[in-house]
Amino acid sequence: MHTQVAIIGAGPAGLFLSHLLFREGIECIVLEARSRETTVLAEMGDLLLSCLTAEEAYAVIGAVTPKLFPAASGALGVLGPSRNLVEIVVSWGDPPPADPLFAPDRCWALWRG
């Protein structure tokens, strides 16, 4: 009889179990939650490549980002042509952003470069 085992979680217990099973000649695969995130990112990349407009890309980002960060809130802001205002084009989670427009110096991501 040929036995196959899937181990969910690549932490110390999962890796130790896979080692014990390997020693006994039992085939196994170790699955990690990161594989789900990788799949979601790949799907988002494919969807973004098919977008013809910035608005379509914003919709994709708004739909997919909550799947990557289900317990977090955030927003995507675009720096305007004058470079003195950031406009929020999509947001997710609660609470929603207080201001749809804000100065670039209030954006942590822009501070970091």
N, C-alpha and C. Protein backbone atom coordinates (compact mmCIF):
# COMPACT_ATOMS: atom_id res chain seq x y z
N MET A 1 0.84 -1.18 0.00
CA MET A 1 0.00 0.00 0.00
C MET A 1 0.89 1.25 0.00
N HIS A 2 0.53 2.23 -0.84
CA HIS A 2 1.29 3.48 -0.95
C HIS A 2 0.53 4.58 -0.22
N THR A 3 1.17 5.17 0.80
CA THR A 3 0.52 6.21 1.60
C THR A 3 1.11 7.56 1.26
N GLN A 4 0.23 8.57 1.08
CA GLN A 4 0.65 9.94 0.86
C GLN A 4 0.02 10.80 1.95
N VAL A 5 0.81 11.75 2.46
CA VAL A 5 0.35 12.59 3.55
C VAL A 5 0.63 14.05 3.19
N ALA A 6 -0.34 14.91 3.50
CA ALA A 6 -0.13 16.36 3.37
C ALA A 6 -0.07 16.93 4.78
N ILE A 7 0.98 17.67 5.06
CA ILE A 7 1.16 18.31 6.36
C ILE A 7 0.93 19.80 6.16
N ILE A 8 -0.02 20.34 6.91
CA ILE A 8 -0.33 21.77 6.81
C ILE A 8 0.49 22.50 7.87
N GLY A 9 1.40 23.34 7.40
CA GLY A 9 2.23 24.13 8.31
C GLY A 9 3.67 23.67 8.30
N ALA A 10 4.56 24.60 7.99
CA ALA A 10 5.99 24.28 7.92
C ALA A 10 6.74 24.78 9.14
N GLY A 11 6.04 24.83 10.27
CA GLY A 11 6.71 25.19 11.51
C GLY A 11 7.52 24.01 12.02
N PRO A 12 8.09 24.13 13.22
CA PRO A 12 8.93 23.05 13.75
C PRO A 12 8.21 21.70 13.82
N ALA A 13 6.95 21.69 14.24
CA ALA A 13 6.23 20.42 14.36
C ALA A 13 5.98 19.79 12.99
N GLY A 14 5.59 20.62 12.02
CA GLY A 14 5.34 20.10 10.68
C GLY A 14 6.59 19.55 10.03
N LEU A 15 7.70 20.26 10.20
CA LEU A 15 8.96 19.79 9.62
C LEU A 15 9.46 18.53 10.32
N PHE A 16 9.29 18.47 11.63
CA PHE A 16 9.69 17.28 12.37
C PHE A 16 8.86 16.07 11.94
N LEU A 17 7.55 16.27 11.80
CA LEU A 17 6.68 15.18 11.35
C LEU A 17 7.08 14.70 9.96
N SER A 18 7.37 15.65 9.06
CA SER A 18 7.77 15.24 7.71
C SER A 18 9.06 14.42 7.75
N HIS A 19 9.96 14.77 8.63
CA HIS A 19 11.21 14.01 8.79
C HIS A 19 10.91 12.59 9.28
N LEU A 20 10.06 12.47 10.29
CA LEU A 20 9.71 11.13 10.81
C LEU A 20 9.03 10.28 9.73
N LEU A 21 8.12 10.89 8.98
CA LEU A 21 7.43 10.15 7.91
C LEU A 21 8.41 9.71 6.83
N PHE A 22 9.32 10.61 6.48
CA PHE A 22 10.34 10.27 5.47
C PHE A 22 11.16 9.07 5.92
N ARG A 23 11.56 9.05 7.19
CA ARG A 23 12.34 7.93 7.72
C ARG A 23 11.57 6.62 7.64
N GLU A 24 10.24 6.70 7.74
CA GLU A 24 9.40 5.49 7.66
C GLU A 24 9.01 5.14 6.22
N GLY A 25 9.50 5.94 5.26
CA GLY A 25 9.21 5.66 3.86
C GLY A 25 7.84 6.14 3.40
N ILE A 26 7.25 7.03 4.16
CA ILE A 26 5.92 7.56 3.81
C ILE A 26 6.10 8.89 3.08
N GLU A 27 5.54 8.94 1.88
CA GLU A 27 5.66 10.15 1.07
C GLU A 27 4.78 11.25 1.66
N CYS A 28 5.32 12.45 1.74
CA CYS A 28 4.53 13.56 2.27
C CYS A 28 4.90 14.86 1.58
N ILE A 29 4.01 15.81 1.71
CA ILE A 29 4.25 17.16 1.21
C ILE A 29 3.90 18.12 2.33
N VAL A 30 4.73 19.16 2.49
CA VAL A 30 4.51 20.16 3.54
C VAL A 30 3.96 21.42 2.86
N LEU A 31 2.79 21.84 3.30
CA LEU A 31 2.15 23.03 2.74
C LEU A 31 2.21 24.16 3.75
N GLU A 32 2.48 25.35 3.27
CA GLU A 32 2.60 26.52 4.13
C GLU A 32 1.59 27.57 3.69
N ALA A 33 1.11 28.36 4.62
CA ALA A 33 0.14 29.41 4.32
C ALA A 33 0.69 30.40 3.28
N ARG A 34 1.98 30.57 3.25
CA ARG A 34 2.57 31.49 2.28
C ARG A 34 2.25 31.10 0.86
N SER A 35 2.02 29.82 0.61
CA SER A 35 1.70 29.40 -0.75
C SER A 35 0.37 30.02 -1.19
N ARG A 36 -0.57 30.21 -0.26
CA ARG A 36 -1.83 30.87 -0.59
C ARG A 36 -1.57 32.32 -0.96
N GLU A 37 -0.72 32.98 -0.19
CA GLU A 37 -0.39 34.37 -0.48
C GLU A 37 0.32 34.50 -1.82
N THR A 38 1.20 33.57 -2.11
CA THR A 38 1.90 33.59 -3.39
C THR A 38 0.93 33.42 -4.54
N THR A 39 -0.04 32.53 -4.37
CA THR A 39 -1.06 32.32 -5.39
C THR A 39 -1.88 33.57 -5.61
N VAL A 40 -2.30 34.23 -4.53
CA VAL A 40 -3.08 35.46 -4.64
C VAL A 40 -2.27 36.55 -5.33
N LEU A 41 -0.99 36.68 -4.98
CA LEU A 41 -0.14 37.67 -5.63
C LEU A 41 0.02 37.39 -7.12
N ALA A 42 0.18 36.14 -7.48
CA ALA A 42 0.30 35.78 -8.89
C ALA A 42 -0.98 36.11 -9.65
N GLU A 43 -2.13 35.80 -9.04
CA GLU A 43 -3.40 36.13 -9.67
C GLU A 43 -3.56 37.63 -9.83
N MET A 44 -3.16 38.39 -8.81
CA MET A 44 -3.25 39.84 -8.89
C MET A 44 -2.34 40.36 -10.00
N GLY A 45 -1.15 39.81 -10.12
CA GLY A 45 -0.24 40.21 -11.19
C GLY A 45 -0.85 39.97 -12.57
N ASP A 46 -1.46 38.81 -12.75
CA ASP A 46 -2.12 38.51 -14.03
C ASP A 46 -3.24 39.50 -14.31
N LEU A 47 -4.05 39.78 -13.30
CA LEU A 47 -5.15 40.73 -13.48
C LEU A 47 -4.62 42.13 -13.80
N LEU A 48 -3.57 42.55 -13.10
CA LEU A 48 -3.02 43.88 -13.35
C LEU A 48 -2.45 43.99 -14.77
N LEU A 49 -1.85 42.92 -15.27
CA LEU A 49 -1.32 42.94 -16.63
C LEU A 49 -2.43 43.09 -17.67
N SER A 50 -3.64 42.68 -17.33
CA SER A 50 -4.75 42.79 -18.28
C SER A 50 -5.47 44.13 -18.21
N CYS A 51 -5.11 44.97 -17.26
CA CYS A 51 -5.78 46.27 -17.11
C CYS A 51 -5.36 47.22 -18.23
N LEU A 52 -6.34 47.93 -18.75
CA LEU A 52 -6.08 48.91 -19.81
C LEU A 52 -6.01 50.33 -19.28
N THR A 53 -6.57 50.55 -18.09
CA THR A 53 -6.58 51.89 -17.51
C THR A 53 -6.13 51.82 -16.06
N ALA A 54 -5.75 52.97 -15.55
CA ALA A 54 -5.39 53.05 -14.13
C ALA A 54 -6.59 52.69 -13.26
N GLU A 55 -7.78 53.11 -13.65
CA GLU A 55 -8.98 52.82 -12.87
C GLU A 55 -9.23 51.32 -12.76
N GLU A 56 -8.97 50.58 -13.84
CA GLU A 56 -9.11 49.12 -13.78
C GLU A 56 -8.10 48.53 -12.81
N ALA A 57 -6.88 49.05 -12.82
CA ALA A 57 -5.85 48.57 -11.88
C ALA A 57 -6.24 48.87 -10.44
N TYR A 58 -6.81 50.06 -10.20
CA TYR A 58 -7.25 50.40 -8.84
C TYR A 58 -8.32 49.42 -8.37
N ALA A 59 -9.23 49.04 -9.27
CA ALA A 59 -10.29 48.09 -8.90
C ALA A 59 -9.70 46.73 -8.54
N VAL A 60 -8.71 46.29 -9.30
CA VAL A 60 -8.05 45.01 -9.00
C VAL A 60 -7.38 45.08 -7.63
N ILE A 61 -6.65 46.14 -7.39
CA ILE A 61 -5.95 46.30 -6.11
C ILE A 61 -6.95 46.33 -4.96
N GLY A 62 -8.06 47.04 -5.15
CA GLY A 62 -9.09 47.11 -4.11
C GLY A 62 -9.75 45.77 -3.83
N ALA A 63 -9.86 44.93 -4.86
CA ALA A 63 -10.50 43.62 -4.69
C ALA A 63 -9.56 42.58 -4.10
N VAL A 64 -8.29 42.64 -4.46
CA VAL A 64 -7.35 41.57 -4.08
C VAL A 64 -6.63 41.86 -2.75
N THR A 65 -6.32 43.11 -2.48
CA THR A 65 -5.54 43.44 -1.28
C THR A 65 -6.18 42.94 0.02
N PRO A 66 -7.50 43.03 0.18
CA PRO A 66 -8.08 42.48 1.43
C PRO A 66 -7.86 40.97 1.59
N LYS A 67 -7.67 40.25 0.50
CA LYS A 67 -7.37 38.82 0.60
C LYS A 67 -5.96 38.59 1.14
N LEU A 68 -5.06 39.52 0.85
CA LEU A 68 -3.69 39.40 1.34
C LEU A 68 -3.55 39.86 2.78
N PHE A 69 -4.34 40.87 3.15
CA PHE A 69 -4.26 41.45 4.49
C PHE A 69 -5.66 41.54 5.10
N PRO A 70 -6.28 40.39 5.41
CA PRO A 70 -7.67 40.41 5.85
C PRO A 70 -7.93 41.16 7.15
N ALA A 71 -6.94 41.29 8.00
CA ALA A 71 -7.15 41.95 9.29
C ALA A 71 -6.66 43.39 9.29
N ALA A 72 -6.27 43.90 8.12
CA ALA A 72 -5.68 45.24 8.07
C ALA A 72 -6.52 46.17 7.20
N SER A 73 -6.34 47.43 7.42
CA SER A 73 -6.94 48.43 6.55
C SER A 73 -5.81 49.22 5.90
N GLY A 74 -6.12 49.82 4.77
CA GLY A 74 -5.10 50.59 4.08
C GLY A 74 -5.70 51.30 2.89
N ALA A 75 -4.85 51.96 2.14
CA ALA A 75 -5.31 52.71 0.99
C ALA A 75 -4.17 52.83 -0.01
N LEU A 76 -4.56 53.04 -1.25
CA LEU A 76 -3.61 53.34 -2.32
C LEU A 76 -3.84 54.79 -2.71
N GLY A 77 -2.79 55.58 -2.58
CA GLY A 77 -2.87 56.98 -2.95
C GLY A 77 -1.99 57.27 -4.14
N VAL A 78 -2.42 58.21 -4.95
CA VAL A 78 -1.67 58.59 -6.14
C VAL A 78 -1.26 60.05 -5.99
N LEU A 79 0.01 60.31 -6.21
CA LEU A 79 0.53 61.67 -6.14
C LEU A 79 0.07 62.43 -7.38
N GLY A 80 -0.56 63.56 -7.16
CA GLY A 80 -1.08 64.36 -8.26
C GLY A 80 0.02 65.00 -9.08
N PRO A 81 -0.35 65.51 -10.28
CA PRO A 81 0.64 66.13 -11.17
C PRO A 81 1.38 67.31 -10.53
N SER A 82 0.71 68.04 -9.64
CA SER A 82 1.35 69.17 -8.98
C SER A 82 2.32 68.71 -7.89
N ARG A 83 2.24 67.42 -7.53
CA ARG A 83 3.09 66.79 -6.51
C ARG A 83 2.90 67.38 -5.11
N ASN A 84 1.78 68.10 -4.91
CA ASN A 84 1.53 68.67 -3.58
C ASN A 84 0.31 68.04 -2.90
N LEU A 85 -0.36 67.08 -3.58
CA LEU A 85 -1.49 66.37 -2.99
C LEU A 85 -1.45 64.90 -3.37
N VAL A 86 -1.83 64.07 -2.42
CA VAL A 86 -2.01 62.64 -2.67
C VAL A 86 -3.51 62.38 -2.64
N GLU A 87 -4.00 61.70 -3.66
CA GLU A 87 -5.43 61.37 -3.73
C GLU A 87 -5.60 59.87 -3.51
N ILE A 88 -6.46 59.50 -2.57
CA ILE A 88 -6.75 58.09 -2.33
C ILE A 88 -7.67 57.61 -3.45
N VAL A 89 -7.21 56.58 -4.15
CA VAL A 89 -7.98 56.06 -5.28
C VAL A 89 -8.69 54.75 -4.94
N VAL A 90 -8.22 54.06 -3.92
CA VAL A 90 -8.90 52.85 -3.45
C VAL A 90 -8.48 52.60 -2.00
N SER A 91 -9.41 52.10 -1.21
CA SER A 91 -9.09 51.76 0.18
C SER A 91 -9.78 50.46 0.54
N TRP A 92 -9.33 49.84 1.63
CA TRP A 92 -9.90 48.58 2.10
C TRP A 92 -9.84 48.55 3.62
N GLY A 93 -10.70 47.74 4.20
CA GLY A 93 -10.73 47.57 5.65
C GLY A 93 -11.42 48.72 6.36
N ASP A 94 -11.45 48.62 7.68
CA ASP A 94 -12.06 49.63 8.53
C ASP A 94 -11.01 50.14 9.51
N PRO A 95 -10.98 51.37 9.81
CA PRO A 95 -11.83 52.43 9.28
C PRO A 95 -11.31 52.92 7.94
N PRO A 96 -12.20 53.47 7.11
CA PRO A 96 -11.74 54.04 5.84
C PRO A 96 -10.92 55.31 6.12
N PRO A 97 -10.11 55.71 5.16
CA PRO A 97 -9.31 56.93 5.36
C PRO A 97 -10.21 58.14 5.63
N ALA A 98 -9.75 59.01 6.51
CA ALA A 98 -10.54 60.19 6.88
C ALA A 98 -10.59 61.21 5.76
N ASP A 99 -9.49 61.40 5.07
CA ASP A 99 -9.43 62.42 4.02
C ASP A 99 -9.06 61.78 2.68
N PRO A 100 -9.83 62.05 1.62
CA PRO A 100 -9.47 61.50 0.31
C PRO A 100 -8.28 62.21 -0.32
N LEU A 101 -7.95 63.41 0.18
CA LEU A 101 -6.79 64.17 -0.30
C LEU A 101 -5.94 64.56 0.91
N PHE A 102 -4.63 64.46 0.77
CA PHE A 102 -3.76 64.88 1.86
C PHE A 102 -2.39 65.26 1.31
N ALA A 103 -1.62 65.95 2.12
CA ALA A 103 -0.28 66.39 1.73
C ALA A 103 0.68 65.20 1.72
N PRO A 104 1.62 65.18 0.79
CA PRO A 104 2.57 64.07 0.71
C PRO A 104 3.38 63.84 1.98
N ASP A 105 3.61 64.90 2.76
CA ASP A 105 4.39 64.71 3.98
C ASP A 105 3.63 63.96 5.07
N ARG A 106 2.34 63.66 4.83
CA ARG A 106 1.56 62.85 5.78
C ARG A 106 1.54 61.37 5.37
N CYS A 107 2.31 61.00 4.35
CA CYS A 107 2.31 59.62 3.86
C CYS A 107 3.59 58.92 4.29
N TRP A 108 3.44 57.89 5.09
CA TRP A 108 4.59 57.12 5.58
C TRP A 108 5.40 56.50 4.45
N ALA A 109 4.71 55.96 3.43
CA ALA A 109 5.42 55.33 2.32
C ALA A 109 6.27 56.34 1.55
N LEU A 110 5.77 57.55 1.39
CA LEU A 110 6.56 58.57 0.70
C LEU A 110 7.74 59.04 1.54
N TRP A 111 7.58 59.04 2.85
CA TRP A 111 8.69 59.38 3.74
C TRP A 111 9.85 58.41 3.54
N ARG A 112 9.48 57.13 3.44
CA ARG A 112 10.48 56.09 3.36
C ARG A 112 11.17 56.05 2.00
N GLY A 113 10.53 56.63 1.01
CA GLY A 113 11.13 56.67 -0.34
C GLY A 113 10.80 55.49 -1.10
